[in-house]
Amino acid sequence: MLWDPDGTICLVDGDIAGVGSNGNAVGASQKRATVWYENEDIARFGILPGGSHSKAEWIADSGYLVGSADPTGCKTHAVAWKLH
């Protein structure tokens, strides 16, 4: 979990339902990473195993990216995008 000095931005290893008043992530499920700002998720990070997508459309509950082309031969890496 990573917070800015004001305690308003959170990056947690897993999908979270919100940010608690004590600065902790609430409801972590360990499926994906979510960036929160003032109790609103603004970006998500998904895992892309063994390939690469030409377009990421969403993140599945498993944490994997869902998209179009998926060629083989690429190392696992993460991709992020803004929700709003």
PDB file of N, CA and C in Angstrom:
ATOM      1  N   MET A   1       0.841  -1.176   0.000  1.00  0.00           N
ATOM      2  CA  MET A   1       0.000   0.000   0.000  1.00  0.00           C
ATOM      3  C   MET A   1       0.886   1.238   0.000  1.00  0.00           C
ATOM      4  N   LEU A   2       0.537   2.224  -0.800  1.00  0.00           N
ATOM      5  CA  LEU A   2       1.329   3.439  -0.919  1.00  0.00           C
ATOM      6  C   LEU A   2       0.418   4.644  -0.757  1.00  0.00           C
ATOM      7  N   TRP A   3       0.813   5.544   0.125  1.00  0.00           N
ATOM      8  CA  TRP A   3      -0.005   6.734   0.381  1.00  0.00           C
ATOM      9  C   TRP A   3       0.792   7.993   0.122  1.00  0.00           C
ATOM     10  N   ASP A   4       0.117   9.045  -0.322  1.00  0.00           N
ATOM     11  CA  ASP A   4       0.778  10.340  -0.423  1.00  0.00           C
ATOM     12  C   ASP A   4       0.816  10.969   0.973  1.00  0.00           C
ATOM     13  N   PRO A   5       1.521  12.086   1.163  1.00  0.00           N
ATOM     14  CA  PRO A   5       1.629  12.683   2.501  1.00  0.00           C
ATOM     15  C   PRO A   5       0.289  13.035   3.144  1.00  0.00           C
ATOM     16  N   ASP A   6      -0.724  13.326   2.333  1.00  0.00           N
ATOM     17  CA  ASP A   6      -2.043  13.648   2.879  1.00  0.00           C
ATOM     18  C   ASP A   6      -2.892  12.417   3.135  1.00  0.00           C
ATOM     19  N   GLY A   7      -2.414  11.248   2.751  1.00  0.00           N
ATOM     20  CA  GLY A   7      -3.169  10.026   2.979  1.00  0.00           C
ATOM     21  C   GLY A   7      -4.371   9.866   2.081  1.00  0.00           C
ATOM     22  N   THR A   8      -4.293  10.364   0.832  1.00  0.00           N
ATOM     23  CA  THR A   8      -5.461  10.306  -0.040  1.00  0.00           C
ATOM     24  C   THR A   8      -5.303   9.360  -1.221  1.00  0.00           C
ATOM     25  N   ILE A   9      -4.098   8.907  -1.519  1.00  0.00           N
ATOM     26  CA  ILE A   9      -3.897   8.010  -2.654  1.00  0.00           C
ATOM     27  C   ILE A   9      -3.412   6.660  -2.156  1.00  0.00           C
ATOM     28  N   CYS A  10      -4.058   5.596  -2.624  1.00  0.00           N
ATOM     29  CA  CYS A  10      -3.717   4.255  -2.156  1.00  0.00           C
ATOM     30  C   CYS A  10      -3.481   3.337  -3.342  1.00  0.00           C
ATOM     31  N   LEU A  11      -2.392   2.581  -3.306  1.00  0.00           N
ATOM     32  CA  LEU A  11      -2.143   1.524  -4.278  1.00  0.00           C
ATOM     33  C   LEU A  11      -1.991   0.242  -3.489  1.00  0.00           C
ATOM     34  N   VAL A  12      -2.907  -0.683  -3.680  1.00  0.00           N
ATOM     35  CA  VAL A  12      -2.912  -1.906  -2.879  1.00  0.00           C
ATOM     36  C   VAL A  12      -2.858  -3.117  -3.792  1.00  0.00           C
ATOM     37  N   ASP A  13      -2.231  -4.180  -3.339  1.00  0.00           N
ATOM     38  CA  ASP A  13      -2.120  -5.410  -4.118  1.00  0.00           C
ATOM     39  C   ASP A  13      -3.408  -6.202  -3.990  1.00  0.00           C
ATOM     40  N   GLY A  14      -4.407  -5.808  -4.755  1.00  0.00           N
ATOM     41  CA  GLY A  14      -5.711  -6.451  -4.704  1.00  0.00           C
ATOM     42  C   GLY A  14      -6.804  -5.420  -4.886  1.00  0.00           C
ATOM     43  N   ASP A  15      -7.954  -5.832  -5.393  1.00  0.00           N
ATOM     44  CA  ASP A  15      -9.080  -4.931  -5.569  1.00  0.00           C
ATOM     45  C   ASP A  15      -9.595  -4.540  -4.193  1.00  0.00           C
ATOM     46  N   ILE A  16      -9.904  -3.258  -3.981  1.00  0.00           N
ATOM     47  CA  ILE A  16     -10.384  -2.838  -2.677  1.00  0.00           C
ATOM     48  C   ILE A  16     -11.710  -2.113  -2.800  1.00  0.00           C
ATOM     49  N   ALA A  17     -12.493  -2.164  -1.726  1.00  0.00           N
ATOM     50  CA  ALA A  17     -13.814  -1.559  -1.736  1.00  0.00           C
ATOM     51  C   ALA A  17     -13.783  -0.092  -1.335  1.00  0.00           C
ATOM     52  N   GLY A  18     -12.717   0.352  -0.710  1.00  0.00           N
ATOM     53  CA  GLY A  18     -12.637   1.745  -0.286  1.00  0.00           C
ATOM     54  C   GLY A  18     -11.398   1.983   0.546  1.00  0.00           C
ATOM     55  N   VAL A  19     -11.281   3.201   1.032  1.00  0.00           N
ATOM     56  CA  VAL A  19     -10.170   3.582   1.893  1.00  0.00           C
ATOM     57  C   VAL A  19     -10.734   3.955   3.246  1.00  0.00           C
ATOM     58  N   GLY A  20     -10.275   3.282   4.301  1.00  0.00           N
ATOM     59  CA  GLY A  20     -10.774   3.539   5.645  1.00  0.00           C
ATOM     60  C   GLY A  20     -10.257   4.845   6.217  1.00  0.00           C
ATOM     61  N   SER A  21     -10.917   5.328   7.270  1.00  0.00           N
ATOM     62  CA  SER A  21     -10.526   6.594   7.887  1.00  0.00           C
ATOM     63  C   SER A  21      -9.140   6.533   8.510  1.00  0.00           C
ATOM     64  N   ASN A  22      -8.678   5.325   8.835  1.00  0.00           N
ATOM     65  CA  ASN A  22      -7.342   5.166   9.410  1.00  0.00           C
ATOM     66  C   ASN A  22      -6.269   5.027   8.330  1.00  0.00           C
ATOM     67  N   GLY A  23      -6.643   5.142   7.058  1.00  0.00           N
ATOM     68  CA  GLY A  23      -5.667   5.079   5.976  1.00  0.00           C
ATOM     69  C   GLY A  23      -5.406   3.685   5.458  1.00  0.00           C
ATOM     70  N   ASN A  24      -6.210   2.712   5.841  1.00  0.00           N
ATOM     71  CA  ASN A  24      -6.033   1.343   5.369  1.00  0.00           C
ATOM     72  C   ASN A  24      -7.011   1.036   4.244  1.00  0.00           C
ATOM     73  N   ALA A  25      -6.607   0.123   3.366  1.00  0.00           N
ATOM     74  CA  ALA A  25      -7.515  -0.346   2.323  1.00  0.00           C
ATOM     75  C   ALA A  25      -8.584  -1.223   2.957  1.00  0.00           C
ATOM     76  N   VAL A  26      -9.798  -1.138   2.449  1.00  0.00           N
ATOM     77  CA  VAL A  26     -10.917  -1.911   2.972  1.00  0.00           C
ATOM     78  C   VAL A  26     -11.361  -2.920   1.926  1.00  0.00           C
ATOM     79  N   GLY A  27     -11.517  -4.172   2.308  1.00  0.00           N
ATOM     80  CA  GLY A  27     -12.058  -5.194   1.426  1.00  0.00           C
ATOM     81  C   GLY A  27     -11.098  -5.703   0.378  1.00  0.00           C
ATOM     82  N   ALA A  28      -9.816  -5.833   0.688  1.00  0.00           N
ATOM     83  CA  ALA A  28      -8.844  -6.330  -0.287  1.00  0.00           C
ATOM     84  C   ALA A  28      -9.137  -7.776  -0.660  1.00  0.00           C
ATOM     85  N   SER A  29      -9.138  -8.082  -1.953  1.00  0.00           N
ATOM     86  CA  SER A  29      -9.410  -9.441  -2.420  1.00  0.00           C
ATOM     87  C   SER A  29      -8.220 -10.062  -3.136  1.00  0.00           C
ATOM     88  N   GLN A  30      -7.116  -9.329  -3.261  1.00  0.00           N
ATOM     89  CA  GLN A  30      -5.897  -9.830  -3.897  1.00  0.00           C
ATOM     90  C   GLN A  30      -6.102 -10.245  -5.353  1.00  0.00           C
ATOM     91  N   LYS A  31      -6.984  -9.572  -6.067  1.00  0.00           N
ATOM     92  CA  LYS A  31      -7.215  -9.910  -7.473  1.00  0.00           C
ATOM     93  C   LYS A  31      -6.497  -8.966  -8.421  1.00  0.00           C
ATOM     94  N   ARG A  32      -6.347  -7.737  -8.034  1.00  0.00           N
ATOM     95  CA  ARG A  32      -5.731  -6.750  -8.915  1.00  0.00           C
ATOM     96  C   ARG A  32      -5.339  -5.542  -8.071  1.00  0.00           C
ATOM     97  N   ALA A  33      -4.645  -4.624  -8.665  1.00  0.00           N
ATOM     98  CA  ALA A  33      -4.254  -3.414  -7.951  1.00  0.00           C
ATOM     99  C   ALA A  33      -5.183  -2.277  -8.341  1.00  0.00           C
ATOM    100  N   THR A  34      -5.558  -1.466  -7.377  1.00  0.00           N
ATOM    101  CA  THR A  34      -6.456  -0.351  -7.603  1.00  0.00           C
ATOM    102  C   THR A  34      -5.866   0.910  -6.998  1.00  0.00           C
ATOM    103  N   VAL A  35      -5.921   2.011  -7.721  1.00  0.00           N
ATOM    104  CA  VAL A  35      -5.493   3.297  -7.188  1.00  0.00           C
ATOM    105  C   VAL A  35      -6.734   4.083  -6.786  1.00  0.00           C
ATOM    106  N   TRP A  36      -6.751   4.531  -5.545  1.00  0.00           N
ATOM    107  CA  TRP A  36      -7.890   5.284  -5.028  1.00  0.00           C
ATOM    108  C   TRP A  36      -7.488   6.716  -4.748  1.00  0.00           C
ATOM    109  N   TYR A  37      -8.419   7.636  -4.966  1.00  0.00           N
ATOM    110  CA  TYR A  37      -8.218   9.035  -4.600  1.00  0.00           C
ATOM    111  C   TYR A  37      -9.516   9.551  -4.004  1.00  0.00           C
ATOM    112  N   GLU A  38      -9.473   9.935  -2.740  1.00  0.00           N
ATOM    113  CA  GLU A  38     -10.652  10.428  -2.031  1.00  0.00           C
ATOM    114  C   GLU A  38     -11.837   9.482  -2.199  1.00  0.00           C
ATOM    115  N   ASN A  39     -11.618   8.210  -1.906  1.00  0.00           N
ATOM    116  CA  ASN A  39     -12.648   7.163  -1.917  1.00  0.00           C
ATOM    117  C   ASN A  39     -13.246   6.882  -3.292  1.00  0.00           C
ATOM    118  N   GLU A  40     -12.522   7.204  -4.350  1.00  0.00           N
ATOM    119  CA  GLU A  40     -12.966   6.871  -5.704  1.00  0.00           C
ATOM    120  C   GLU A  40     -11.823   6.185  -6.431  1.00  0.00           C
ATOM    121  N   ASP A  41     -12.097   5.012  -7.002  1.00  0.00           N
ATOM    122  CA  ASP A  41     -11.026   4.329  -7.731  1.00  0.00           C
ATOM    123  C   ASP A  41     -10.832   5.003  -9.084  1.00  0.00           C
ATOM    124  N   ILE A  42      -9.603   5.443  -9.332  1.00  0.00           N
ATOM    125  CA  ILE A  42      -9.321   6.213 -10.541  1.00  0.00           C
ATOM    126  C   ILE A  42      -8.487   5.440 -11.546  1.00  0.00           C
ATOM    127  N   ALA A  43      -7.840   4.364 -11.121  1.00  0.00           N
ATOM    128  CA  ALA A  43      -7.041   3.562 -12.046  1.00  0.00           C
ATOM    129  C   ALA A  43      -6.921   2.150 -11.522  1.00  0.00           C
ATOM    130  N   ARG A  44      -6.783   1.206 -12.419  1.00  0.00           N
ATOM    131  CA  ARG A  44      -6.595  -0.192 -12.034  1.00  0.00           C
ATOM    132  C   ARG A  44      -5.419  -0.777 -12.791  1.00  0.00           C
ATOM    133  N   PHE A  45      -4.752  -1.720 -12.155  1.00  0.00           N
ATOM    134  CA  PHE A  45      -3.610  -2.398 -12.757  1.00  0.00           C
ATOM    135  C   PHE A  45      -3.974  -3.860 -12.953  1.00  0.00           C
ATOM    136  N   GLY A  46      -3.786  -4.383 -14.161  1.00  0.00           N
ATOM    137  CA  GLY A  46      -4.067  -5.788 -14.434  1.00  0.00           C
ATOM    138  C   GLY A  46      -2.804  -6.531 -14.811  1.00  0.00           C
ATOM    139  N   ILE A  47      -2.850  -7.845 -14.710  1.00  0.00           N
ATOM    140  CA  ILE A  47      -1.705  -8.697 -15.016  1.00  0.00           C
ATOM    141  C   ILE A  47      -1.882  -9.298 -16.402  1.00  0.00           C
ATOM    142  N   LEU A  48      -0.839  -9.242 -17.203  1.00  0.00           N
ATOM    143  CA  LEU A  48      -0.889  -9.794 -18.554  1.00  0.00           C
ATOM    144  C   LEU A  48       0.145 -10.903 -18.666  1.00  0.00           C
ATOM    145  N   PRO A  49      -0.254 -12.188 -18.543  1.00  0.00           N
ATOM    146  CA  PRO A  49       0.708 -13.289 -18.531  1.00  0.00           C
ATOM    147  C   PRO A  49       1.015 -13.826 -19.926  1.00  0.00           C
ATOM    148  N   GLY A  50       2.289 -13.997 -20.235  1.00  0.00           N
ATOM    149  CA  GLY A  50       2.724 -14.723 -21.419  1.00  0.00           C
ATOM    150  C   GLY A  50       2.276 -14.207 -22.753  1.00  0.00           C
ATOM    151  N   GLY A  51       1.966 -12.946 -22.885  1.00  0.00           N
ATOM    152  CA  GLY A  51       1.538 -12.407 -24.162  1.00  0.00           C
ATOM    153  C   GLY A  51       1.353 -10.911 -24.070  1.00  0.00           C
ATOM    154  N   SER A  52       0.814 -10.317 -25.107  1.00  0.00           N
ATOM    155  CA  SER A  52       0.558  -8.879 -25.055  1.00  0.00           C
ATOM    156  C   SER A  52      -0.734  -8.576 -25.796  1.00  0.00           C
ATOM    157  N   HIS A  53      -1.474  -7.631 -25.295  1.00  0.00           N
ATOM    158  CA  HIS A  53      -2.734  -7.241 -25.920  1.00  0.00           C
ATOM    159  C   HIS A  53      -2.540  -5.967 -26.725  1.00  0.00           C
ATOM    160  N   SER A  54      -3.179  -5.881 -27.871  1.00  0.00           N
ATOM    161  CA  SER A  54      -3.136  -4.640 -28.629  1.00  0.00           C
ATOM    162  C   SER A  54      -4.107  -3.629 -28.037  1.00  0.00           C
ATOM    163  N   LYS A  55      -5.109  -4.118 -27.309  1.00  0.00           N
ATOM    164  CA  LYS A  55      -6.061  -3.222 -26.664  1.00  0.00           C
ATOM    165  C   LYS A  55      -6.599  -3.897 -25.415  1.00  0.00           C
ATOM    166  N   ALA A  56      -6.394  -3.272 -24.263  1.00  0.00           N
ATOM    167  CA  ALA A  56      -6.952  -3.791 -23.016  1.00  0.00           C
ATOM    168  C   ALA A  56      -8.352  -3.219 -22.841  1.00  0.00           C
ATOM    169  N   GLU A  57      -9.327  -4.089 -22.618  1.00  0.00           N
ATOM    170  CA  GLU A  57     -10.710  -3.649 -22.507  1.00  0.00           C
ATOM    171  C   GLU A  57     -11.201  -3.610 -21.066  1.00  0.00           C
ATOM    172  N   TRP A  58     -10.789  -4.569 -20.258  1.00  0.00           N
ATOM    173  CA  TRP A  58     -11.139  -4.563 -18.840  1.00  0.00           C
ATOM    174  C   TRP A  58     -10.264  -5.555 -18.109  1.00  0.00           C
ATOM    175  N   ILE A  59     -10.406  -5.630 -16.783  1.00  0.00           N
ATOM    176  CA  ILE A  59      -9.663  -6.593 -15.981  1.00  0.00           C
ATOM    177  C   ILE A  59     -10.645  -7.623 -15.443  1.00  0.00           C
ATOM    178  N   ALA A  60     -10.387  -8.887 -15.720  1.00  0.00           N
ATOM    179  CA  ALA A  60     -11.243  -9.960 -15.220  1.00  0.00           C
ATOM    180  C   ALA A  60     -11.079 -10.103 -13.710  1.00  0.00           C
ATOM    181  N   ASP A  61     -12.025 -10.795 -13.069  1.00  0.00           N
ATOM    182  CA  ASP A  61     -11.949 -11.021 -11.628  1.00  0.00           C
ATOM    183  C   ASP A  61     -10.668 -11.741 -11.233  1.00  0.00           C
ATOM    184  N   SER A  62     -10.108 -12.513 -12.151  1.00  0.00           N
ATOM    185  CA  SER A  62      -8.857 -13.225 -11.876  1.00  0.00           C
ATOM    186  C   SER A  62      -7.670 -12.270 -11.818  1.00  0.00           C
ATOM    187  N   GLY A  63      -7.850 -11.034 -12.287  1.00  0.00           N
ATOM    188  CA  GLY A  63      -6.771 -10.064 -12.331  1.00  0.00           C
ATOM    189  C   GLY A  63      -6.114  -9.961 -13.688  1.00  0.00           C
ATOM    190  N   TYR A  64      -6.511 -10.819 -14.640  1.00  0.00           N
ATOM    191  CA  TYR A  64      -5.916 -10.789 -15.973  1.00  0.00           C
ATOM    192  C   TYR A  64      -6.618  -9.768 -16.856  1.00  0.00           C
ATOM    193  N   LEU A  65      -5.837  -9.163 -17.758  1.00  0.00           N
ATOM    194  CA  LEU A  65      -6.414  -8.232 -18.720  1.00  0.00           C
ATOM    195  C   LEU A  65      -7.188  -8.981 -19.789  1.00  0.00           C
ATOM    196  N   VAL A  66      -8.271  -8.384 -20.238  1.00  0.00           N
ATOM    197  CA  VAL A  66      -9.069  -8.940 -21.321  1.00  0.00           C
ATOM    198  C   VAL A  66      -9.004  -7.953 -22.478  1.00  0.00           C
ATOM    199  N   GLY A  67      -8.668  -8.454 -23.679  1.00  0.00           N
ATOM    200  CA  GLY A  67      -8.566  -7.564 -24.823  1.00  0.00           C
ATOM    201  C   GLY A  67      -8.528  -8.327 -26.120  1.00  0.00           C
ATOM    202  N   SER A  68      -8.037  -7.683 -27.171  1.00  0.00           N
ATOM    203  CA  SER A  68      -8.026  -8.308 -28.492  1.00  0.00           C
ATOM    204  C   SER A  68      -6.795  -9.180 -28.677  1.00  0.00           C
ATOM    205  N   ALA A  69      -5.877  -8.816 -29.574  1.00  0.00           N
ATOM    206  CA  ALA A  69      -4.755  -9.688 -29.924  1.00  0.00           C
ATOM    207  C   ALA A  69      -3.954 -10.134 -28.705  1.00  0.00           C
ATOM    208  N   ASP A  70      -3.577 -11.405 -28.688  1.00  0.00           N
ATOM    209  CA  ASP A  70      -2.825 -11.954 -27.556  1.00  0.00           C
ATOM    210  C   ASP A  70      -1.715 -12.872 -28.062  1.00  0.00           C
ATOM    211  N   PRO A  71      -0.674 -12.315 -28.726  1.00  0.00           N
ATOM    212  CA  PRO A  71       0.414 -13.154 -29.217  1.00  0.00           C
ATOM    213  C   PRO A  71       1.249 -13.717 -28.079  1.00  0.00           C
ATOM    214  N   THR A  72       1.895 -14.836 -28.327  1.00  0.00           N
ATOM    215  CA  THR A  72       2.723 -15.457 -27.295  1.00  0.00           C
ATOM    216  C   THR A  72       4.146 -14.914 -27.336  1.00  0.00           C
ATOM    217  N   GLY A  73       4.936 -15.292 -26.347  1.00  0.00           N
ATOM    218  CA  GLY A  73       6.350 -14.949 -26.342  1.00  0.00           C
ATOM    219  C   GLY A  73       6.718 -13.701 -25.575  1.00  0.00           C
ATOM    220  N   CYS A  74       5.797 -13.100 -24.855  1.00  0.00           N
ATOM    221  CA  CYS A  74       6.100 -11.898 -24.091  1.00  0.00           C
ATOM    222  C   CYS A  74       6.098 -12.230 -22.606  1.00  0.00           C
ATOM    223  N   LYS A  75       6.981 -11.610 -21.855  1.00  0.00           N
ATOM    224  CA  LYS A  75       7.029 -11.851 -20.417  1.00  0.00           C
ATOM    225  C   LYS A  75       5.801 -11.257 -19.734  1.00  0.00           C
ATOM    226  N   THR A  76       5.491 -11.790 -18.560  1.00  0.00           N
ATOM    227  CA  THR A  76       4.374 -11.270 -17.773  1.00  0.00           C
ATOM    228  C   THR A  76       4.664  -9.840 -17.343  1.00  0.00           C
ATOM    229  N   HIS A  77       3.678  -8.991 -17.486  1.00  0.00           N
ATOM    230  CA  HIS A  77       3.834  -7.618 -17.042  1.00  0.00           C
ATOM    231  C   HIS A  77       2.469  -7.047 -16.691  1.00  0.00           C
ATOM    232  N   ALA A  78       2.458  -5.857 -16.136  1.00  0.00           N
ATOM    233  CA  ALA A  78       1.207  -5.229 -15.723  1.00  0.00           C
ATOM    234  C   ALA A  78       0.925  -4.013 -16.592  1.00  0.00           C
ATOM    235  N   VAL A  79      -0.354  -3.720 -16.752  1.00  0.00           N
ATOM    236  CA  VAL A  79      -0.791  -2.572 -17.525  1.00  0.00           C
ATOM    237  C   VAL A  79      -1.804  -1.811 -16.685  1.00  0.00           C
ATOM    238  N   ALA A  80      -1.781  -0.494 -16.787  1.00  0.00           N
ATOM    239  CA  ALA A  80      -2.733   0.310 -16.024  1.00  0.00           C
ATOM    240  C   ALA A  80      -3.481   1.249 -16.949  1.00  0.00           C
ATOM    241  N   TRP A  81      -4.685   1.621 -16.546  1.00  0.00           N
ATOM    242  CA  TRP A  81      -5.402   2.648 -17.277  1.00  0.00           C
ATOM    243  C   TRP A  81      -6.350   3.368 -16.345  1.00  0.00           C
ATOM    244  N   LYS A  82      -6.736   4.563 -16.758  1.00  0.00           N
ATOM    245  CA  LYS A  82      -7.603   5.399 -15.936  1.00  0.00           C
ATOM    246  C   LYS A  82      -9.047   5.004 -16.177  1.00  0.00           C
ATOM    247  N   LEU A  83      -9.842   4.958 -15.106  1.00  0.00           N
ATOM    248  CA  LEU A  83     -11.237   4.554 -15.222  1.00  0.00           C
ATOM    249  C   LEU A  83     -12.143   5.696 -15.659  1.00  0.00           C
ATOM    250  N   HIS A  84     -11.864   6.899 -15.216  1.00  0.00           N
ATOM    251  CA  HIS A  84     -12.764   8.023 -15.485  1.00  0.00           C
ATOM    252  C   HIS A  84     -12.067   9.070 -16.319  1.00  0.00           C
TER     253      HIS A  84
END
